[in-house]
Amino acid sequence: MGLINLLFRNPLVFILVAIPLLYSIIIHEVAHGWVANKMGDPTAKWLGRLSLNPIKHLDPIGTLMLLVFGFGWAKPVPVNFNNLHDTRKGLIFVSSAGIVANIILAFFSFFLLRLLSPSEVISTILYYMAQINIMLAAFNLIPIPPLDGSKILMGFSSRSFQYSLARLEPYGMFIIIGLLYLGVLNPLIAFFQWIILAFIGILLP
């Protein structure tokens, strides 16, 4: 779900939507760096990557992909996993941090949409925020390098499997594009949305 149709329908709303969506991928990366810093690796902090300044994070191609196709990326926050207090737990927690951040953003977007019954413009912003953060979370859960899902899987795997998975990285984006073409994200997106809306339904019956 990209924003190109919205751009042609309502350019002003497109701009209002695009800004918080760009911050969705920025917050995703900052979350990685923040958790890494808490677990013993200050690399991102030393390089000034715990900032919300978009200049430090945005990748031109990843930003374009977000706006056109509904998923994208920022420049990865550097993490030296060898600095972490526990490398295996670090792989899992640091790699999960961005995904969790996106799910939290999606939750609050849906929550405010349900709680406030806002104007059409605000509703559109919150709707796109929720949907694209769910899509970002699902996209990054794909267990193919270089995506976060592969590092989470490595945290639960043997050394030999980690090595085998890492060898896929040169071909990772081609595999990911193929999986996206086959619609592999659709069930995961639907599952995340169902979980979030069900939880909100409990909070706001």
Foldseek 3Di string as FASTA:
>chain_A
DACPVVCVVPVVLLVVQLVVLLLLQLQLQLQLQVVLVVQFWNQLVVVVSNDSPVVSWADVVQSVCCRGPLGGHIPHRDHDLVRGPDSLVSLQNSLCRSLVSLLVQLLVLVLCCVPPVDDPSSVVSSVSSNLSSLVHSLLLLPCAPPGSVVSNVVSVDDPVVNVVRVVCHVVRVVVSVVCVVVVVSVVSSVVSVVVSVVVSVVVPD
